[in-house]
Amino acid sequence: MSELSGDRLIALARATDAKSRDALLLALGDLCAERSFGTGEDAETAEDVFLRLARNAELAVRAELATRLAATPWAPRALILLLAHDEIEAAEPVLAGSPVLREADMIDIACQLGHAHRRALARRPGLSSKACEAVARPRECDVIRVLLANPSADVHEDALRHCTAAAEAEPGLWSAIVERDGLSEDVVHAAYRAVGDALKDAISERYPQFADLLAGEADAAVESAKAARGPGMSANERLVEELYGAGGLTEDFFLEAAQDGRINLFELGLARLCETDSWVIGRALDRRGAAAAALAFHAAGLNSRYCVRLVNALTRAGRLKGGLNTDARRDCACAFTEHTAHSALAALRRLGAEA
C-alpha cells in the first residue's frame, strides 16, 4: 500500500469529481488484480474505499470493475458480493467466474435474484450440485439449457428433476438432457418416452446398461396396440402361420406378395419372422420407408441381395414413397453393414413403437 496511503485513499474517496472517483475505482481494481492488499488496517481501508466508490459509480464503471476483478481470488469479499447482487451487467462477470463467491452465496443469489443472474451462474465452471439445483429450481428453459451445456457443472439428481420437468413443457430440452453423462434410470426412462426416433437411438447407444428397460418400452407399445386391435386371427394371419410352419416365408414369397399388392400379408410375414407385431412393421415403414424396410429384411434373416427388388416392389405397390434414391440406397446398405440382425430388430422396434 506504499503507493496510496490509507489517508490518501479516503481523501480521494471524498472527492466530488465523479470522473476522478471512477478513475480511482478502476485504478484500485487494477492494483488489486495485480496483488493482494494483505490483511489488517490497510486492507480494511482499501475495502471500505472500494465499497464507497463502487456504490456511487455508474453501472458501466461497476461492470468494468467486475470484469477486472472476476478472476482475482484475493478481491475484497464484500466488494464481490456487492457486484454479484448488482444489475446483471456488473454481476455477470463475477457470477460466471469469481473464486471469491462461495456455494452458499451462489445458492442465495439463485434463490433471491432473477432470471439473468441464474443464467450467468449456470455457465460458471465447476458449479456444485447444490448450486445447480438452486439454479434449475425455477425451471426456466433457457437457464436450464445453459446449465446442461456446462460440462463441468455437477448436474445430478435434484437438478435433473427440475430439468426433466421443464422438458415436459419444452420438449427441445430433452436433447440437451440426454447428452449429459451419468443419467439415472428414471431420467433415461422419461427421456425415452418423450423423444423421437433419432434421440431414441442416441439414448440406446449412450446408455446400453438400460437396454432391457428401453426394450420394455417398445414391448409395452406393441402390446398396447395388440390390445386395441382386439382378439382373433385374420385369414392372412392364419396363412402366415401355416407358411411359417412349412418354411414358406422366403424372399420369393415376399417379392410375390409385394408385386401382387398384398401388403398386409407382406407385413404380417415380416412381423412373424422378426417375432414382433405387424403394427411395428407398418409404423416403421411409415416413418422411415426404405431404411425401415431394410432393417426389417435384415432382422427377418432375408438375403440382402433381395433388398433392392423388394423395396422397388413395395414402391410400385404404393407402400413406400420415394423409392431408392441416393439416401435410401445408403440407408439400406447401412441396415445390413452397420447392424447385426439383433440390433436391426432393436432399431426397427424403436421406430415402430414410437407413438
Protein backbone atom coordinates (compact mmCIF):
# COMPACT_ATOMS: atom_id res chain seq x y z
CA MET A 1 0.00 0.00 0.00
CA SER A 2 3.05 2.31 -0.26
CA GLU A 3 1.76 3.95 -3.46
CA LEU A 4 -1.51 5.05 -1.86
CA SER A 5 -1.74 5.55 1.87
CA GLY A 6 -4.92 4.87 3.77
CA ASP A 7 -5.48 8.58 4.46
CA ARG A 8 -4.91 9.42 0.80
CA LEU A 9 -7.42 6.79 -0.31
CA ILE A 10 -10.09 8.20 1.99
CA ALA A 11 -9.38 11.73 0.77
CA LEU A 12 -9.80 10.65 -2.83
CA ALA A 13 -12.98 8.81 -1.95
CA ARG A 14 -14.43 12.09 -0.64
CA ALA A 15 -13.70 13.90 -3.90
CA THR A 16 -16.70 15.49 -5.60
CA ASP A 17 -15.39 14.96 -9.15
CA ALA A 18 -17.24 11.84 -10.36
CA LYS A 19 -14.87 11.23 -13.22
CA SER A 20 -11.85 11.24 -10.90
CA ARG A 21 -13.55 8.95 -8.44
CA ASP A 22 -14.44 6.49 -11.19
CA ALA A 23 -10.84 6.57 -12.40
CA LEU A 24 -9.66 5.92 -8.86
CA LEU A 25 -12.01 2.97 -8.54
CA LEU A 26 -10.72 1.34 -11.70
CA ALA A 27 -7.10 2.07 -10.76
CA LEU A 28 -7.69 0.38 -7.41
CA GLY A 29 -9.21 -2.52 -9.29
CA ASP A 30 -6.11 -2.88 -11.44
CA LEU A 31 -3.90 -2.69 -8.36
CA CYS A 32 -5.96 -5.34 -6.57
CA ALA A 33 -5.86 -7.62 -9.62
CA GLU A 34 -2.05 -7.47 -9.53
CA ARG A 35 -1.54 -8.18 -5.85
CA SER A 36 -3.39 -8.62 -2.58
CA PHE A 37 -3.83 -5.72 -0.22
CA GLY A 38 -2.94 -8.16 2.53
CA THR A 39 -4.63 -8.10 5.90
CA GLY A 40 -5.01 -5.62 8.68
CA GLU A 41 -5.92 -1.94 8.73
CA ASP A 42 -4.73 -1.08 5.22
CA ALA A 43 -6.77 -3.90 3.72
CA GLU A 44 -9.85 -2.81 5.65
CA THR A 45 -9.35 0.75 4.48
CA ALA A 46 -8.95 -0.36 0.88
CA GLU A 47 -12.12 -2.43 1.08
CA ASP A 48 -14.04 0.47 2.59
CA VAL A 49 -12.87 2.80 -0.19
CA PHE A 50 -13.76 0.21 -2.82
CA LEU A 51 -17.30 -0.05 -1.46
CA ARG A 52 -17.78 3.73 -1.16
CA LEU A 53 -16.60 4.29 -4.71
CA ALA A 54 -18.48 1.36 -6.21
CA ARG A 55 -21.81 2.35 -4.64
CA ASN A 56 -21.58 5.78 -6.24
CA ALA A 57 -20.14 4.74 -9.62
CA GLU A 58 -22.13 4.48 -12.82
CA LEU A 59 -23.24 0.99 -13.88
CA ALA A 60 -20.77 0.91 -16.78
CA VAL A 61 -17.90 1.58 -14.36
CA ARG A 62 -19.09 -1.10 -11.94
CA ALA A 63 -19.33 -3.54 -14.85
CA GLU A 64 -15.76 -2.72 -15.89
CA LEU A 65 -14.55 -3.16 -12.31
CA ALA A 66 -16.29 -6.55 -12.15
CA THR A 67 -14.56 -7.65 -15.35
CA ARG A 68 -11.15 -6.63 -13.99
CA LEU A 69 -11.65 -8.45 -10.67
CA ALA A 70 -13.62 -11.50 -11.84
CA ALA A 71 -10.63 -13.87 -11.75
CA THR A 72 -8.92 -12.38 -8.66
CA PRO A 73 -9.03 -14.78 -5.70
CA TRP A 74 -8.00 -12.09 -3.17
CA ALA A 75 -10.52 -9.46 -4.28
CA PRO A 76 -12.37 -7.97 -1.27
CA ARG A 77 -15.24 -10.31 -0.48
CA ALA A 78 -17.67 -7.52 0.42
CA LEU A 79 -17.00 -5.85 -2.94
CA ILE A 80 -17.52 -9.07 -4.90
CA LEU A 81 -20.80 -9.71 -3.07
CA LEU A 82 -21.90 -6.16 -3.84
CA LEU A 83 -21.18 -6.68 -7.52
CA ALA A 84 -22.77 -10.14 -7.57
CA HIS A 85 -26.05 -8.63 -6.32
CA ASP A 86 -25.79 -5.69 -8.72
CA GLU A 87 -27.59 -5.31 -12.03
CA ILE A 88 -26.65 -8.10 -14.41
CA GLU A 89 -24.15 -6.02 -16.42
CA ALA A 90 -21.98 -5.74 -13.31
CA ALA A 91 -22.97 -9.05 -11.74
CA GLU A 92 -22.34 -11.36 -14.69
CA PRO A 93 -18.51 -11.39 -14.70
CA VAL A 94 -18.27 -12.30 -11.01
CA LEU A 95 -21.20 -14.74 -11.08
CA ALA A 96 -19.66 -16.57 -14.01
CA GLY A 97 -16.20 -16.92 -12.55
CA SER A 98 -15.16 -15.15 -9.35
CA PRO A 99 -13.41 -17.61 -7.00
CA VAL A 100 -14.39 -15.38 -4.07
CA LEU A 101 -18.02 -16.49 -4.23
CA ARG A 102 -18.94 -19.44 -2.02
CA GLU A 103 -21.53 -22.11 -2.64
CA ALA A 104 -23.90 -20.51 -0.12
CA ASP A 105 -23.54 -17.15 -1.90
CA MET A 106 -24.49 -18.71 -5.22
CA ILE A 107 -27.49 -20.53 -3.77
CA ASP A 108 -28.75 -17.31 -2.17
CA ILE A 109 -28.32 -15.39 -5.42
CA ALA A 110 -30.09 -18.09 -7.44
CA CYS A 111 -33.00 -18.10 -4.99
CA GLN A 112 -33.29 -14.36 -4.33
CA LEU A 113 -32.38 -12.67 -7.60
CA GLY A 114 -33.69 -13.03 -11.11
CA HIS A 115 -33.51 -14.99 -14.30
CA ALA A 116 -30.45 -13.17 -15.70
CA HIS A 117 -28.41 -13.87 -12.56
CA ARG A 118 -29.31 -17.57 -12.68
CA ARG A 119 -28.34 -17.71 -16.33
CA ALA A 120 -24.92 -16.23 -15.51
CA LEU A 121 -24.44 -18.74 -12.69
CA ALA A 122 -25.48 -21.59 -14.99
CA ARG A 123 -22.35 -21.21 -17.10
CA ARG A 124 -19.99 -20.97 -14.12
CA PRO A 125 -17.22 -23.62 -14.27
CA GLY A 126 -17.41 -26.28 -11.58
CA LEU A 127 -20.84 -25.27 -10.32
CA SER A 128 -21.66 -27.53 -7.36
CA SER A 129 -24.61 -29.90 -7.29
CA LYS A 130 -26.46 -27.82 -4.66
CA ALA A 131 -25.92 -24.63 -6.64
CA CYS A 132 -27.08 -26.43 -9.82
CA GLU A 133 -30.28 -27.45 -8.07
CA ALA A 134 -30.94 -23.86 -6.98
CA VAL A 135 -30.26 -22.54 -10.47
CA ALA A 136 -32.57 -25.13 -12.07
CA ARG A 137 -35.33 -24.89 -9.47
CA PRO A 138 -37.44 -22.21 -11.25
CA ARG A 139 -37.40 -24.45 -14.36
CA GLU A 140 -36.57 -21.65 -16.80
CA CYS A 141 -35.89 -23.34 -20.11
CA ASP A 142 -33.11 -21.06 -21.36
CA VAL A 143 -31.32 -21.18 -18.00
CA ILE A 144 -31.55 -24.97 -17.95
CA ARG A 145 -30.24 -25.15 -21.50
CA VAL A 146 -27.13 -23.15 -20.46
CA LEU A 147 -26.71 -25.30 -17.35
CA LEU A 148 -26.91 -28.55 -19.30
CA ALA A 149 -24.36 -27.24 -21.80
CA ASN A 150 -21.90 -26.55 -18.96
CA PRO A 151 -19.68 -29.67 -18.98
CA SER A 152 -18.17 -29.06 -15.54
CA ALA A 153 -21.43 -28.30 -13.73
CA ASP A 154 -22.35 -31.04 -11.25
CA VAL A 155 -25.87 -31.60 -12.62
CA HIS A 156 -27.16 -34.54 -10.64
CA GLU A 157 -30.47 -35.97 -9.50
CA ASP A 158 -32.05 -32.95 -7.77
CA ALA A 159 -31.20 -30.56 -10.60
CA LEU A 160 -32.18 -33.11 -13.24
CA ARG A 161 -35.60 -33.45 -11.65
CA HIS A 162 -36.19 -29.78 -12.47
CA CYS A 163 -34.64 -30.20 -15.92
CA THR A 164 -36.95 -33.07 -16.85
CA ALA A 165 -39.99 -31.20 -15.54
CA ALA A 166 -39.04 -28.25 -17.75
CA ALA A 167 -38.56 -30.59 -20.72
CA GLU A 168 -42.15 -31.77 -20.38
CA ALA A 169 -43.20 -28.21 -21.23
CA GLU A 170 -40.36 -27.61 -23.70
CA PRO A 171 -39.51 -30.91 -25.46
CA GLY A 172 -36.49 -29.38 -27.16
CA LEU A 173 -34.66 -29.66 -23.83
CA TRP A 174 -34.59 -33.46 -23.99
CA SER A 175 -31.73 -33.48 -26.48
CA ALA A 176 -29.62 -31.44 -24.04
CA ILE A 177 -30.57 -33.72 -21.16
CA VAL A 178 -29.62 -36.95 -22.91
CA GLU A 179 -26.20 -35.50 -23.79
CA ARG A 180 -25.31 -35.47 -20.08
CA ASP A 181 -23.35 -38.36 -18.63
CA GLY A 182 -24.49 -40.28 -15.58
CA LEU A 183 -28.24 -40.06 -16.02
CA SER A 184 -30.29 -42.22 -13.70
CA GLU A 185 -32.60 -44.97 -14.91
CA ASP A 186 -35.65 -42.81 -14.16
CA VAL A 187 -34.35 -39.90 -16.23
CA VAL A 188 -33.38 -42.17 -19.14
CA HIS A 189 -36.80 -43.79 -18.97
CA ALA A 190 -38.59 -40.42 -19.01
CA ALA A 191 -36.43 -39.17 -21.88
CA TYR A 192 -37.01 -42.31 -23.94
CA ARG A 193 -40.75 -41.99 -23.61
CA ALA A 194 -40.71 -38.33 -24.61
CA VAL A 195 -38.33 -38.10 -27.56
CA GLY A 196 -38.48 -39.01 -31.23
CA ASP A 197 -36.79 -41.75 -33.21
CA ALA A 198 -33.34 -40.18 -33.65
CA LEU A 199 -32.96 -39.44 -29.95
CA LYS A 200 -34.23 -42.90 -29.01
CA ASP A 201 -31.33 -44.36 -30.98
CA ALA A 202 -28.93 -41.93 -29.32
CA ILE A 203 -30.21 -42.85 -25.85
CA SER A 204 -29.90 -46.56 -26.55
CA GLU A 205 -26.32 -46.14 -27.75
CA ARG A 206 -25.31 -43.82 -24.91
CA TYR A 207 -26.91 -45.90 -22.15
CA PRO A 208 -26.60 -49.57 -23.13
CA GLN A 209 -26.91 -50.53 -19.46
CA PHE A 210 -30.61 -49.68 -19.73
CA ALA A 211 -31.19 -51.75 -22.88
CA ASP A 212 -33.74 -54.03 -21.20
CA LEU A 213 -35.67 -51.07 -19.85
CA LEU A 214 -35.79 -49.38 -23.25
CA ALA A 215 -36.77 -52.59 -25.00
CA GLY A 216 -39.58 -52.87 -22.48
CA GLU A 217 -40.89 -49.50 -23.63
CA ALA A 218 -41.15 -50.80 -27.19
CA ASP A 219 -42.79 -54.02 -26.00
CA ALA A 220 -45.35 -52.05 -23.98
CA ALA A 221 -46.31 -50.00 -27.03
CA VAL A 222 -46.69 -53.13 -29.12
CA GLU A 223 -48.82 -54.85 -26.51
CA SER A 224 -50.99 -51.75 -26.24
CA ALA A 225 -51.53 -51.83 -29.99
CA LYS A 226 -52.42 -55.51 -29.87
CA ALA A 227 -54.95 -54.90 -27.11
CA ALA A 228 -56.52 -52.05 -29.07
CA ARG A 229 -56.82 -54.25 -32.17
CA GLY A 230 -58.80 -56.86 -30.30
CA PRO A 231 -58.72 -60.68 -30.21
CA GLY A 232 -58.95 -63.15 -33.05
CA MET A 233 -56.81 -64.13 -36.02
CA SER A 234 -57.45 -62.93 -39.57
CA ALA A 235 -57.26 -65.15 -42.67
CA ASN A 236 -53.91 -63.59 -43.59
CA GLU A 237 -52.57 -64.25 -40.11
CA ARG A 238 -53.60 -67.90 -40.34
CA LEU A 239 -51.95 -68.17 -43.77
CA VAL A 240 -48.72 -66.66 -42.43
CA GLU A 241 -48.69 -69.13 -39.56
CA GLU A 242 -49.11 -72.04 -41.99
CA LEU A 243 -46.37 -70.75 -44.27
CA TYR A 244 -44.09 -70.13 -41.31
CA GLY A 245 -44.55 -73.69 -40.11
CA ALA A 246 -43.78 -75.01 -43.60
CA GLY A 247 -40.74 -72.78 -44.15
CA GLY A 248 -42.56 -70.82 -46.82
CA LEU A 249 -41.75 -67.27 -45.67
CA THR A 250 -38.92 -66.85 -48.18
CA GLU A 251 -37.58 -63.97 -50.24
CA ASP A 252 -39.66 -65.15 -53.19
CA PHE A 253 -42.82 -65.14 -51.06
CA PHE A 254 -42.26 -61.53 -50.04
CA LEU A 255 -41.41 -60.46 -53.58
CA GLU A 256 -44.59 -62.07 -54.91
CA ALA A 257 -46.74 -60.58 -52.13
CA ALA A 258 -45.40 -57.08 -52.82
CA GLN A 259 -45.82 -57.44 -56.58
CA ASP A 260 -49.42 -58.59 -56.09
CA GLY A 261 -50.10 -55.64 -53.77
CA ARG A 262 -50.84 -57.91 -50.81
CA ILE A 263 -49.19 -55.52 -48.38
CA ASN A 264 -50.98 -56.75 -45.27
CA LEU A 265 -49.75 -60.28 -45.97
CA PHE A 266 -46.25 -58.92 -46.64
CA GLU A 267 -46.12 -57.05 -43.31
CA LEU A 268 -47.60 -59.95 -41.37
CA GLY A 269 -44.95 -62.27 -42.80
CA LEU A 270 -42.12 -59.91 -41.90
CA ALA A 271 -43.54 -59.49 -38.41
CA ARG A 272 -43.69 -63.28 -37.95
CA LEU A 273 -40.02 -63.70 -38.93
CA CYS A 274 -38.98 -60.76 -36.78
CA GLU A 275 -41.07 -62.06 -33.88
CA THR A 276 -42.76 -58.71 -33.46
CA ASP A 277 -46.15 -57.27 -34.35
CA SER A 278 -47.21 -56.18 -37.82
CA TRP A 279 -48.15 -52.84 -36.28
CA VAL A 280 -44.45 -52.29 -35.58
CA ILE A 281 -43.56 -53.10 -39.19
CA GLY A 282 -46.25 -50.81 -40.56
CA ARG A 283 -45.38 -47.89 -38.33
CA ALA A 284 -41.67 -48.24 -39.10
CA LEU A 285 -42.32 -48.30 -42.86
CA ASP A 286 -44.49 -45.20 -42.49
CA ARG A 287 -41.74 -43.39 -40.67
CA ARG A 288 -38.56 -44.37 -42.45
CA GLY A 289 -39.57 -46.01 -45.72
CA ALA A 290 -36.78 -47.95 -47.45
CA ALA A 291 -34.45 -47.69 -44.44
CA ALA A 292 -37.03 -49.35 -42.19
CA ALA A 293 -37.75 -52.00 -44.81
CA ALA A 294 -34.06 -52.88 -44.98
CA LEU A 295 -33.88 -53.14 -41.18
CA ALA A 296 -36.88 -55.48 -41.27
CA PHE A 297 -35.36 -57.63 -44.03
CA HIS A 298 -32.11 -57.94 -42.07
CA ALA A 299 -33.92 -58.71 -38.80
CA ALA A 300 -36.04 -61.32 -40.60
CA GLY A 301 -32.94 -63.06 -41.97
CA LEU A 302 -33.70 -62.30 -45.63
CA ASN A 303 -30.84 -62.15 -48.12
CA SER A 304 -29.51 -58.61 -48.64
CA ARG A 305 -29.36 -59.22 -52.39
CA TYR A 306 -33.19 -59.09 -52.44
CA CYS A 307 -33.35 -55.71 -50.68
CA VAL A 308 -33.41 -53.52 -53.80
CA ARG A 309 -36.00 -55.69 -55.57
CA LEU A 310 -38.25 -55.79 -52.52
CA VAL A 311 -38.06 -52.03 -51.96
CA ASN A 312 -38.84 -51.38 -55.61
CA ALA A 313 -41.79 -53.77 -55.47
CA LEU A 314 -43.14 -52.02 -52.34
CA THR A 315 -42.69 -48.65 -54.03
CA ARG A 316 -44.60 -49.76 -57.14
CA ALA A 317 -47.34 -51.11 -54.88
CA GLY A 318 -47.65 -47.66 -53.29
CA ARG A 319 -46.47 -48.80 -49.84
CA LEU A 320 -43.21 -46.84 -49.86
CA LYS A 321 -42.69 -43.31 -51.08
CA GLY A 322 -39.57 -42.00 -52.74
CA GLY A 323 -38.18 -45.29 -53.95
CA LEU A 324 -34.46 -45.97 -53.89
CA ASN A 325 -32.88 -42.54 -54.18
CA THR A 326 -29.27 -41.99 -53.13
CA ASP A 327 -30.08 -41.51 -49.46
CA ALA A 328 -32.37 -44.54 -49.40
CA ARG A 329 -29.72 -46.75 -51.01
CA ARG A 330 -27.20 -45.64 -48.42
CA ASP A 331 -29.64 -46.33 -45.57
CA CYS A 332 -30.43 -49.77 -46.97
CA ALA A 333 -26.76 -50.65 -47.19
CA CYS A 334 -26.17 -49.40 -43.64
CA ALA A 335 -29.00 -51.56 -42.33
CA PHE A 336 -27.02 -54.64 -43.34
CA THR A 337 -23.43 -53.43 -42.84
CA GLU A 338 -23.78 -51.50 -39.60
CA HIS A 339 -26.25 -53.76 -37.82
CA THR A 340 -26.42 -57.31 -36.68
CA ALA A 341 -29.80 -58.96 -37.12
CA HIS A 342 -30.39 -58.39 -33.41
CA SER A 343 -29.53 -54.68 -33.46
CA ALA A 344 -31.52 -54.21 -36.68
CA LEU A 345 -34.56 -55.65 -34.89
CA ALA A 346 -33.97 -53.34 -31.91
CA ALA A 347 -33.80 -50.32 -34.21
CA LEU A 348 -36.92 -51.46 -36.05
CA ARG A 349 -38.84 -51.89 -32.81
CA ARG A 350 -37.83 -48.41 -31.67
CA LEU A 351 -39.11 -46.96 -34.94
CA GLY A 352 -42.35 -48.88 -34.79
CA ALA A 353 -43.15 -48.45 -31.12
CA GLU A 354 -42.98 -44.67 -31.09
CA ALA A 355 -46.45 -43.28 -30.70
